[in-house]
């Protein structure tokens, strides 16, 4: 296990120990990890896996495993992935008018990353459930069944129109422009820029709404 992976699991464990606001804490942990590098399928799946493993481990050491706490943690991951979907969609929209900046392969890979988000999330849950203790595994299996029946936040985001709330869209576009200027000659340009867009989106989540009346 790398230092970064150990840090993710430790942060999740501390969120469970605090026992309050688990969903929000796990969402922030997941978003922070997703914005550390390129926002591509491998990175998204790796971060998702480490956070979910952290949830499994944190729940396993509790004297009483609370289904609600595990459900909150998984909901936090789901919410973070929905924001990743927003970042990828906004990046693709902005890139559409810049045909000379992005290669066809780069754009195709970004679309593929986007389309795989929900399936990879559910697959990580299945793999973690199989590797966990009986109680936590049963909880995860129940959550998987519920997700398959009722849908996930990331799945709903994939099915929605791409419009984002004003401040969130502004922040994302600003990061997109900054990414284009900073990484014009980079390979995997879309994945790098999408990570920056996600940073912009994440920064607005806990920010106070701006007063536009002035």
Protein backbone atom coordinates (compact mmCIF):
# COMPACT_ATOMS: atom_id res chain seq x y z
CA UNK A 1 0.00 0.00 0.00
CA UNK A 2 1.37 3.40 -0.99
CA UNK A 3 1.57 6.39 1.33
CA UNK A 4 -1.26 8.09 -0.55
CA UNK A 5 -3.49 5.02 -0.25
CA UNK A 6 -2.73 4.68 3.45
CA UNK A 7 -3.57 8.37 3.95
CA UNK A 8 -6.97 7.93 2.27
CA UNK A 9 -7.86 4.97 4.49
CA UNK A 10 -6.66 6.79 7.59
CA UNK A 11 -8.79 9.84 6.77
CA UNK A 12 -11.83 7.62 6.24
CA UNK A 13 -11.16 5.85 9.54
CA UNK A 14 -11.03 9.19 11.38
CA UNK A 15 -14.29 10.26 9.74
CA UNK A 16 -15.97 7.11 11.06
CA UNK A 17 -14.47 7.61 14.51
CA UNK A 18 -15.99 11.09 14.69
CA UNK A 19 -19.33 9.52 13.85
CA UNK A 20 -20.99 12.64 12.50
CA UNK A 21 -21.20 14.05 9.00
CA UNK A 22 -19.72 10.87 7.51
CA UNK A 23 -21.20 11.40 4.05
CA UNK A 24 -19.83 14.93 3.72
CA UNK A 25 -16.43 13.92 5.13
CA UNK A 26 -16.08 10.96 2.76
CA UNK A 27 -17.19 13.10 -0.18
CA UNK A 28 -14.44 15.61 0.62
CA UNK A 29 -11.82 12.87 1.06
CA UNK A 30 -12.77 11.34 -2.29
CA UNK A 31 -12.80 14.65 -4.14
CA UNK A 32 -9.44 15.64 -2.70
CA UNK A 33 -7.89 12.37 -3.86
CA UNK A 34 -9.50 12.60 -7.31
CA UNK A 35 -8.00 16.05 -7.91
CA UNK A 36 -4.41 15.01 -7.16
CA UNK A 37 -3.65 13.85 -10.71
CA UNK A 38 -5.31 13.03 -14.02
CA UNK A 39 -9.05 12.37 -13.90
CA UNK A 40 -9.06 9.17 -15.96
CA UNK A 41 -10.58 5.73 -15.50
CA UNK A 42 -7.59 4.19 -13.73
CA UNK A 43 -7.24 7.05 -11.26
CA UNK A 44 -10.97 7.21 -10.56
CA UNK A 45 -11.20 3.47 -10.00
CA UNK A 46 -8.09 3.45 -7.78
CA UNK A 47 -9.37 6.27 -5.56
CA UNK A 48 -12.85 4.75 -5.39
CA UNK A 49 -11.40 1.40 -4.37
CA UNK A 50 -9.21 2.86 -1.63
CA UNK A 51 -12.02 4.94 -0.15
CA UNK A 52 -14.45 2.01 -0.17
CA UNK A 53 -11.80 -0.24 1.39
CA UNK A 54 -11.30 2.44 4.02
CA UNK A 55 -15.03 2.38 4.74
CA UNK A 56 -14.97 -1.41 5.04
CA UNK A 57 -12.00 -1.35 7.40
CA UNK A 58 -13.36 1.50 9.52
CA UNK A 59 -16.72 -0.24 9.90
CA UNK A 60 -15.12 -3.61 10.68
CA UNK A 61 -13.28 -2.35 13.75
CA UNK A 62 -16.32 -0.71 15.32
CA UNK A 63 -17.90 -2.58 18.20
CA UNK A 64 -21.29 -2.31 16.51
CA UNK A 65 -21.31 -2.04 12.75
CA UNK A 66 -23.98 0.50 11.85
CA UNK A 67 -25.52 0.08 8.43
CA UNK A 68 -26.35 3.79 8.44
CA UNK A 69 -22.68 4.76 8.82
CA UNK A 70 -21.59 2.49 5.97
CA UNK A 71 -24.44 3.76 3.81
CA UNK A 72 -23.42 7.36 4.53
CA UNK A 73 -19.83 6.61 3.57
CA UNK A 74 -20.82 4.95 0.29
CA UNK A 75 -23.20 7.84 -0.45
CA UNK A 76 -20.26 10.21 0.00
CA UNK A 77 -18.25 8.29 -2.60
CA UNK A 78 -21.25 8.25 -4.94
CA UNK A 79 -21.72 12.00 -4.57
CA UNK A 80 -18.03 12.66 -5.29
CA UNK A 81 -18.22 10.51 -8.43
CA UNK A 82 -21.29 12.47 -9.56
CA UNK A 83 -19.17 15.62 -9.32
CA UNK A 84 -16.42 13.87 -11.29
CA UNK A 85 -19.03 13.17 -13.97
CA UNK A 86 -19.91 16.87 -13.96
CA UNK A 87 -16.25 17.77 -14.42
CA UNK A 88 -15.78 15.36 -17.31
CA UNK A 89 -19.00 16.52 -19.01
CA UNK A 90 -18.11 20.19 -18.65
CA UNK A 91 -14.60 19.52 -19.96
CA UNK A 92 -15.97 17.71 -23.00
CA UNK A 93 -18.43 20.55 -23.66
CA UNK A 94 -15.71 23.17 -23.46
CA UNK A 95 -13.37 21.07 -25.62
CA UNK A 96 -15.98 20.65 -28.34
CA UNK A 97 -15.22 24.09 -29.75
CA UNK A 98 -11.45 23.62 -29.65
CA UNK A 99 -10.90 20.87 -32.18
CA UNK A 100 -7.29 21.90 -32.78
CA UNK A 101 -6.33 21.71 -29.11
CA UNK A 102 -7.40 18.17 -28.27
CA UNK A 103 -6.63 14.98 -30.13
CA UNK A 104 -9.47 12.70 -31.20
CA UNK A 105 -7.97 9.97 -29.04
CA UNK A 106 -7.91 12.23 -25.98
CA UNK A 107 -11.57 13.18 -26.43
CA UNK A 108 -12.60 9.57 -27.06
CA UNK A 109 -10.82 8.47 -23.90
CA UNK A 110 -12.57 11.18 -21.87
CA UNK A 111 -15.97 10.01 -23.19
CA UNK A 112 -15.04 6.45 -22.31
CA UNK A 113 -13.97 7.49 -18.79
CA UNK A 114 -17.33 9.19 -18.36
CA UNK A 115 -19.39 6.24 -19.60
CA UNK A 116 -17.66 3.79 -17.24
CA UNK A 117 -18.08 5.76 -14.00
CA UNK A 118 -21.20 4.07 -12.64
CA UNK A 119 -20.24 0.55 -13.74
CA UNK A 120 -16.80 0.84 -12.18
CA UNK A 121 -18.31 2.18 -8.93
CA UNK A 122 -20.66 -0.80 -8.62
CA UNK A 123 -17.86 -3.21 -9.51
CA UNK A 124 -15.63 -1.78 -6.78
CA UNK A 125 -18.48 -2.26 -4.29
CA UNK A 126 -18.88 -5.90 -5.37
CA UNK A 127 -15.15 -6.60 -5.09
CA UNK A 128 -14.95 -4.96 -1.66
CA UNK A 129 -18.01 -6.85 -0.44
CA UNK A 130 -16.44 -10.17 -1.43
CA UNK A 131 -13.25 -9.32 0.46
CA UNK A 132 -14.88 -8.03 3.64
CA UNK A 133 -16.05 -9.62 6.87
CA UNK A 134 -19.51 -11.16 6.95
CA UNK A 135 -21.33 -8.21 8.55
CA UNK A 136 -19.81 -5.46 6.41
CA UNK A 137 -20.11 -7.62 3.28
CA UNK A 138 -23.82 -8.13 3.94
CA UNK A 139 -24.31 -4.37 4.33
CA UNK A 140 -22.44 -3.67 1.08
CA UNK A 141 -24.44 -6.32 -0.76
CA UNK A 142 -27.65 -4.67 0.41
CA UNK A 143 -26.39 -1.29 -0.75
CA UNK A 144 -25.47 -2.73 -4.16
CA UNK A 145 -28.97 -4.18 -4.55
CA UNK A 146 -30.50 -0.85 -3.59
CA UNK A 147 -28.25 1.00 -6.05
CA UNK A 148 -29.19 -1.38 -8.85
CA UNK A 149 -32.90 -0.97 -8.07
CA UNK A 150 -33.00 2.77 -7.36
CA UNK A 151 -29.97 4.07 -9.20
CA UNK A 152 -26.89 5.99 -8.03
CA UNK A 153 -26.08 9.68 -7.84
CA UNK A 154 -23.37 9.26 -10.47
CA UNK A 155 -25.77 7.36 -12.73
CA UNK A 156 -28.39 10.09 -12.41
CA UNK A 157 -25.77 12.71 -13.21
CA UNK A 158 -24.77 10.81 -16.34
CA UNK A 159 -28.40 10.86 -17.46
CA UNK A 160 -28.98 14.55 -16.81
CA UNK A 161 -28.50 17.53 -19.05
CA UNK A 162 -25.02 18.90 -18.59
CA UNK A 163 -25.92 22.34 -17.22
CA UNK A 164 -24.31 23.13 -13.85
CA UNK A 165 -25.36 25.74 -11.29
CA UNK A 166 -23.96 29.14 -12.22
CA UNK A 167 -21.16 29.52 -9.67
CA UNK A 168 -20.09 25.90 -10.10
CA UNK A 169 -19.99 26.24 -13.90
CA UNK A 170 -18.00 29.48 -13.64
CA UNK A 171 -15.44 27.85 -11.36
CA UNK A 172 -15.15 24.81 -13.60
CA UNK A 173 -14.71 26.87 -16.77
CA UNK A 174 -12.08 29.04 -15.10
CA UNK A 175 -10.09 25.92 -14.24
CA UNK A 176 -10.57 24.62 -17.78
CA UNK A 177 -9.07 27.79 -19.26
CA UNK A 178 -6.20 27.69 -16.78
CA UNK A 179 -5.54 24.07 -17.67
CA UNK A 180 -5.49 24.75 -21.39
CA UNK A 181 -2.97 27.55 -20.92
CA UNK A 182 -0.74 25.54 -18.58
CA UNK A 183 -0.72 22.18 -20.34
CA UNK A 184 -1.07 22.91 -24.04
CA UNK A 185 1.59 20.38 -25.05
CA UNK A 186 0.74 17.73 -22.47
CA UNK A 187 -0.37 14.23 -23.27
CA UNK A 188 -3.66 13.11 -21.70
CA UNK A 189 -4.63 16.77 -21.75
CA UNK A 190 -8.33 16.18 -21.13
CA UNK A 191 -7.68 14.04 -18.04
CA UNK A 192 -5.40 16.70 -16.57
CA UNK A 193 -7.80 19.53 -17.30
CA UNK A 194 -10.83 17.58 -16.03
CA UNK A 195 -9.02 17.15 -12.72
CA UNK A 196 -8.64 20.93 -12.51
CA UNK A 197 -12.30 21.42 -13.41
CA UNK A 198 -13.24 19.04 -10.58
CA UNK A 199 -11.12 21.15 -8.22
CA UNK A 200 -13.12 24.20 -9.24
CA UNK A 201 -16.40 22.37 -8.67
CA UNK A 202 -15.24 21.00 -5.31
CA UNK A 203 -14.18 24.45 -4.12
CA UNK A 204 -17.72 25.75 -4.60
CA UNK A 205 -19.47 22.98 -2.64
CA UNK A 206 -18.84 24.41 0.82
CA UNK A 207 -18.49 28.03 -0.23
CA UNK A 208 -21.13 30.53 0.79
CA UNK A 209 -23.31 31.70 -2.13
CA UNK A 210 -22.19 35.02 -3.54
CA UNK A 211 -24.46 37.99 -3.04
CA UNK A 212 -25.39 39.03 -6.58
CA UNK A 213 -27.61 41.91 -5.46
CA UNK A 214 -24.73 44.30 -5.10
